[in-house]
Amino acid sequence: MGHTTELSEQSYETLKAVAHTTGQTPEALLETLIDEASHKWYVYDDLDDFFRSIGATEEEIRDSEAIFQAREQAFQAQQEASNDANL
């Protein structure tokens, strides 16, 4: 479903000129501006939600968590070995 918004002639001509310089239609430029404005100030409380917002799949999120956990375990093992060597 679409909606119509009225602009002054001067505003529409400015919109067309800016859209032309970016290689977009006026409608596409407005969509881009609205999309950027709606995401610009959002702060994610959960890293997984951030990854979802940029298109990561659930499988990719699980895989990245598994990689992170493996690295954490390797780091902890290395720290413990280093501590044991210093004793």
N, C-alpha and C. Protein backbone atom coordinates (compact mmCIF):
# COMPACT_ATOMS: atom_id res chain seq x y z
N MET A 1 0.85 -1.17 0.00
CA MET A 1 0.00 0.00 0.00
C MET A 1 0.90 1.24 0.00
N GLY A 2 0.57 2.21 -0.82
CA GLY A 2 1.36 3.41 -0.91
C GLY A 2 0.62 4.61 -0.36
N HIS A 3 1.36 5.65 -0.12
CA HIS A 3 0.79 6.91 0.36
C HIS A 3 1.34 8.04 -0.50
N THR A 4 0.60 9.11 -0.57
CA THR A 4 1.01 10.27 -1.34
C THR A 4 1.35 11.40 -0.40
N THR A 5 2.47 12.07 -0.67
CA THR A 5 2.88 13.24 0.10
C THR A 5 3.05 14.39 -0.87
N GLU A 6 2.53 15.54 -0.51
CA GLU A 6 2.67 16.70 -1.39
C GLU A 6 3.89 17.51 -0.99
N LEU A 7 4.65 17.94 -2.02
CA LEU A 7 5.82 18.80 -1.82
C LEU A 7 5.63 20.05 -2.65
N SER A 8 6.26 21.11 -2.21
CA SER A 8 6.25 22.31 -3.05
C SER A 8 7.04 22.01 -4.31
N GLU A 9 6.82 22.79 -5.34
CA GLU A 9 7.54 22.59 -6.59
C GLU A 9 9.05 22.71 -6.37
N GLN A 10 9.44 23.67 -5.56
CA GLN A 10 10.86 23.88 -5.29
C GLN A 10 11.45 22.66 -4.56
N SER A 11 10.75 22.13 -3.58
CA SER A 11 11.23 20.95 -2.86
C SER A 11 11.34 19.75 -3.77
N TYR A 12 10.34 19.57 -4.64
CA TYR A 12 10.38 18.43 -5.55
C TYR A 12 11.52 18.55 -6.55
N GLU A 13 11.77 19.73 -7.05
CA GLU A 13 12.87 19.93 -7.98
C GLU A 13 14.21 19.66 -7.30
N THR A 14 14.34 20.06 -6.04
CA THR A 14 15.55 19.77 -5.27
C THR A 14 15.70 18.27 -5.08
N LEU A 15 14.62 17.60 -4.73
CA LEU A 15 14.62 16.15 -4.56
C LEU A 15 15.05 15.46 -5.85
N LYS A 16 14.49 15.87 -6.97
CA LYS A 16 14.86 15.29 -8.26
C LYS A 16 16.34 15.50 -8.57
N ALA A 17 16.84 16.71 -8.29
CA ALA A 17 18.24 17.01 -8.58
C ALA A 17 19.17 16.16 -7.74
N VAL A 18 18.88 16.03 -6.46
CA VAL A 18 19.71 15.21 -5.57
C VAL A 18 19.62 13.74 -5.99
N ALA A 19 18.44 13.28 -6.30
CA ALA A 19 18.26 11.89 -6.74
C ALA A 19 19.06 11.64 -8.01
N HIS A 20 19.02 12.59 -8.93
CA HIS A 20 19.76 12.43 -10.19
C HIS A 20 21.26 12.30 -9.94
N THR A 21 21.79 13.12 -9.02
CA THR A 21 23.24 13.07 -8.75
C THR A 21 23.66 11.77 -8.10
N THR A 22 22.72 11.09 -7.44
CA THR A 22 23.05 9.81 -6.80
C THR A 22 22.62 8.62 -7.63
N GLY A 23 22.07 8.89 -8.82
CA GLY A 23 21.65 7.81 -9.70
C GLY A 23 20.40 7.09 -9.24
N GLN A 24 19.55 7.78 -8.49
CA GLN A 24 18.32 7.18 -7.99
C GLN A 24 17.11 7.94 -8.49
N THR A 25 15.96 7.31 -8.37
CA THR A 25 14.72 8.03 -8.61
C THR A 25 14.40 8.83 -7.35
N PRO A 26 13.56 9.86 -7.45
CA PRO A 26 13.17 10.58 -6.24
C PRO A 26 12.56 9.66 -5.18
N GLU A 27 11.76 8.69 -5.63
CA GLU A 27 11.14 7.76 -4.69
C GLU A 27 12.18 6.90 -3.97
N ALA A 28 13.16 6.41 -4.74
CA ALA A 28 14.21 5.57 -4.13
C ALA A 28 15.05 6.38 -3.16
N LEU A 29 15.33 7.64 -3.50
CA LEU A 29 16.10 8.50 -2.60
C LEU A 29 15.35 8.70 -1.29
N LEU A 30 14.05 8.95 -1.36
CA LEU A 30 13.26 9.11 -0.13
C LEU A 30 13.26 7.83 0.69
N GLU A 31 13.11 6.69 0.04
CA GLU A 31 13.15 5.41 0.77
C GLU A 31 14.50 5.24 1.47
N THR A 32 15.57 5.58 0.78
CA THR A 32 16.91 5.48 1.37
C THR A 32 17.04 6.39 2.59
N LEU A 33 16.60 7.62 2.45
CA LEU A 33 16.68 8.57 3.57
C LEU A 33 15.86 8.10 4.77
N ILE A 34 14.66 7.59 4.50
CA ILE A 34 13.80 7.10 5.58
C ILE A 34 14.43 5.89 6.26
N ASP A 35 14.97 4.98 5.45
CA ASP A 35 15.61 3.78 6.00
C ASP A 35 16.80 4.16 6.87
N GLU A 36 17.64 5.06 6.39
CA GLU A 36 18.81 5.49 7.17
C GLU A 36 18.38 6.17 8.46
N ALA A 37 17.37 7.01 8.40
CA ALA A 37 16.90 7.72 9.59
C ALA A 37 16.33 6.77 10.62
N SER A 38 15.67 5.72 10.18
CA SER A 38 15.03 4.80 11.12
C SER A 38 16.04 3.88 11.81
N HIS A 39 17.22 3.68 11.22
CA HIS A 39 18.23 2.80 11.81
C HIS A 39 19.38 3.56 12.47
N LYS A 40 19.46 4.82 12.21
CA LYS A 40 20.63 5.59 12.63
C LYS A 40 20.85 5.58 14.14
N TRP A 41 19.80 5.70 14.90
CA TRP A 41 19.97 5.88 16.34
C TRP A 41 19.56 4.65 17.16
N TYR A 42 19.36 3.53 16.51
CA TYR A 42 18.93 2.35 17.25
C TYR A 42 20.11 1.72 17.96
N VAL A 43 19.95 1.45 19.25
CA VAL A 43 20.98 0.80 20.04
C VAL A 43 20.48 -0.60 20.37
N TYR A 44 21.26 -1.59 20.00
CA TYR A 44 20.86 -2.98 20.23
C TYR A 44 21.31 -3.43 21.61
N ASP A 45 20.38 -4.03 22.36
CA ASP A 45 20.69 -4.58 23.67
C ASP A 45 21.30 -5.97 23.55
N ASP A 46 21.09 -6.60 22.41
CA ASP A 46 21.54 -7.97 22.21
C ASP A 46 22.32 -8.03 20.90
N LEU A 47 23.52 -8.55 20.95
CA LEU A 47 24.36 -8.63 19.76
C LEU A 47 23.72 -9.48 18.68
N ASP A 48 23.04 -10.54 19.06
CA ASP A 48 22.37 -11.38 18.07
C ASP A 48 21.31 -10.58 17.30
N ASP A 49 20.59 -9.70 17.98
CA ASP A 49 19.60 -8.86 17.30
C ASP A 49 20.27 -7.95 16.29
N PHE A 50 21.45 -7.43 16.63
CA PHE A 50 22.18 -6.61 15.68
C PHE A 50 22.52 -7.42 14.43
N PHE A 51 23.05 -8.64 14.65
CA PHE A 51 23.40 -9.48 13.50
C PHE A 51 22.17 -9.80 12.65
N ARG A 52 21.03 -10.05 13.30
CA ARG A 52 19.80 -10.30 12.54
C ARG A 52 19.43 -9.07 11.70
N SER A 53 19.63 -7.87 12.27
CA SER A 53 19.24 -6.65 11.56
C SER A 53 20.07 -6.42 10.30
N ILE A 54 21.27 -7.00 10.23
CA ILE A 54 22.09 -6.85 9.04
C ILE A 54 22.03 -8.09 8.15
N GLY A 55 21.08 -8.98 8.46
CA GLY A 55 20.78 -10.09 7.57
C GLY A 55 21.39 -11.43 7.91
N ALA A 56 22.01 -11.56 9.07
CA ALA A 56 22.58 -12.85 9.45
C ALA A 56 21.47 -13.85 9.75
N THR A 57 21.68 -15.08 9.34
CA THR A 57 20.71 -16.14 9.61
C THR A 57 20.94 -16.70 11.01
N GLU A 58 19.97 -17.42 11.50
CA GLU A 58 20.11 -18.05 12.82
C GLU A 58 21.29 -19.03 12.82
N GLU A 59 21.46 -19.74 11.72
CA GLU A 59 22.57 -20.68 11.61
C GLU A 59 23.92 -19.94 11.69
N GLU A 60 24.03 -18.82 11.01
CA GLU A 60 25.27 -18.04 11.06
C GLU A 60 25.54 -17.51 12.46
N ILE A 61 24.49 -17.10 13.15
CA ILE A 61 24.65 -16.61 14.52
C ILE A 61 25.12 -17.74 15.43
N ARG A 62 24.52 -18.94 15.30
CA ARG A 62 24.96 -20.09 16.11
C ARG A 62 26.41 -20.45 15.80
N ASP A 63 26.76 -20.43 14.51
CA ASP A 63 28.14 -20.76 14.12
C ASP A 63 29.13 -19.75 14.70
N SER A 64 28.78 -18.48 14.66
CA SER A 64 29.70 -17.47 15.19
C SER A 64 29.84 -17.62 16.71
N GLU A 65 28.77 -17.99 17.38
CA GLU A 65 28.84 -18.21 18.83
C GLU A 65 29.73 -19.41 19.14
N ALA A 66 29.64 -20.46 18.34
CA ALA A 66 30.49 -21.63 18.54
C ALA A 66 31.97 -21.28 18.33
N ILE A 67 32.25 -20.47 17.31
CA ILE A 67 33.63 -20.04 17.07
C ILE A 67 34.12 -19.21 18.25
N PHE A 68 33.29 -18.30 18.74
CA PHE A 68 33.67 -17.47 19.88
C PHE A 68 33.96 -18.33 21.11
N GLN A 69 33.09 -19.29 21.40
CA GLN A 69 33.28 -20.14 22.56
C GLN A 69 34.56 -20.97 22.43
N ALA A 70 34.85 -21.48 21.25
CA ALA A 70 36.08 -22.26 21.04
C ALA A 70 37.31 -21.40 21.28
N ARG A 71 37.29 -20.18 20.81
CA ARG A 71 38.42 -19.27 21.02
C ARG A 71 38.58 -18.92 22.50
N GLU A 72 37.46 -18.70 23.17
CA GLU A 72 37.51 -18.41 24.60
C GLU A 72 38.11 -19.58 25.39
N GLN A 73 37.70 -20.79 25.05
CA GLN A 73 38.23 -21.97 25.74
C GLN A 73 39.72 -22.13 25.47
N ALA A 74 40.14 -21.88 24.23
CA ALA A 74 41.56 -21.97 23.89
C ALA A 74 42.35 -20.92 24.64
N PHE A 75 41.82 -19.71 24.75
CA PHE A 75 42.50 -18.65 25.47
C PHE A 75 42.62 -18.99 26.94
N GLN A 76 41.54 -19.50 27.54
CA GLN A 76 41.58 -19.88 28.95
C GLN A 76 42.58 -21.01 29.19
N ALA A 77 42.63 -21.97 28.31
CA ALA A 77 43.59 -23.07 28.44
C ALA A 77 45.01 -22.54 28.36
N GLN A 78 45.23 -21.60 27.47
CA GLN A 78 46.56 -21.01 27.32
C GLN A 78 46.93 -20.23 28.58
N GLN A 79 45.99 -19.49 29.14
CA GLN A 79 46.24 -18.75 30.37
C GLN A 79 46.57 -19.69 31.53
N GLU A 80 45.82 -20.79 31.64
CA GLU A 80 46.06 -21.76 32.71
C GLU A 80 47.43 -22.42 32.54
N ALA A 81 47.80 -22.75 31.31
CA ALA A 81 49.12 -23.35 31.06
C ALA A 81 50.21 -22.37 31.41
N SER A 82 50.02 -21.11 31.09
CA SER A 82 51.00 -20.08 31.40
C SER A 82 51.13 -19.90 32.92
N ASN A 83 50.01 -19.91 33.61
CA ASN A 83 50.03 -19.78 35.07
C ASN A 83 50.72 -20.98 35.73
N ASP A 84 50.45 -22.19 35.20
CA ASP A 84 51.09 -23.38 35.74
C ASP A 84 52.60 -23.35 35.52
N ALA A 85 53.03 -22.83 34.38
CA ALA A 85 54.46 -22.75 34.05
C ALA A 85 55.16 -21.75 34.96
N ASN A 86 54.45 -20.74 35.43
CA ASN A 86 55.05 -19.70 36.27
C ASN A 86 55.11 -20.11 37.74
N LEU A 87 54.48 -21.21 38.09
CA LEU A 87 54.49 -21.64 39.49
C LEU A 87 55.69 -22.37 39.84
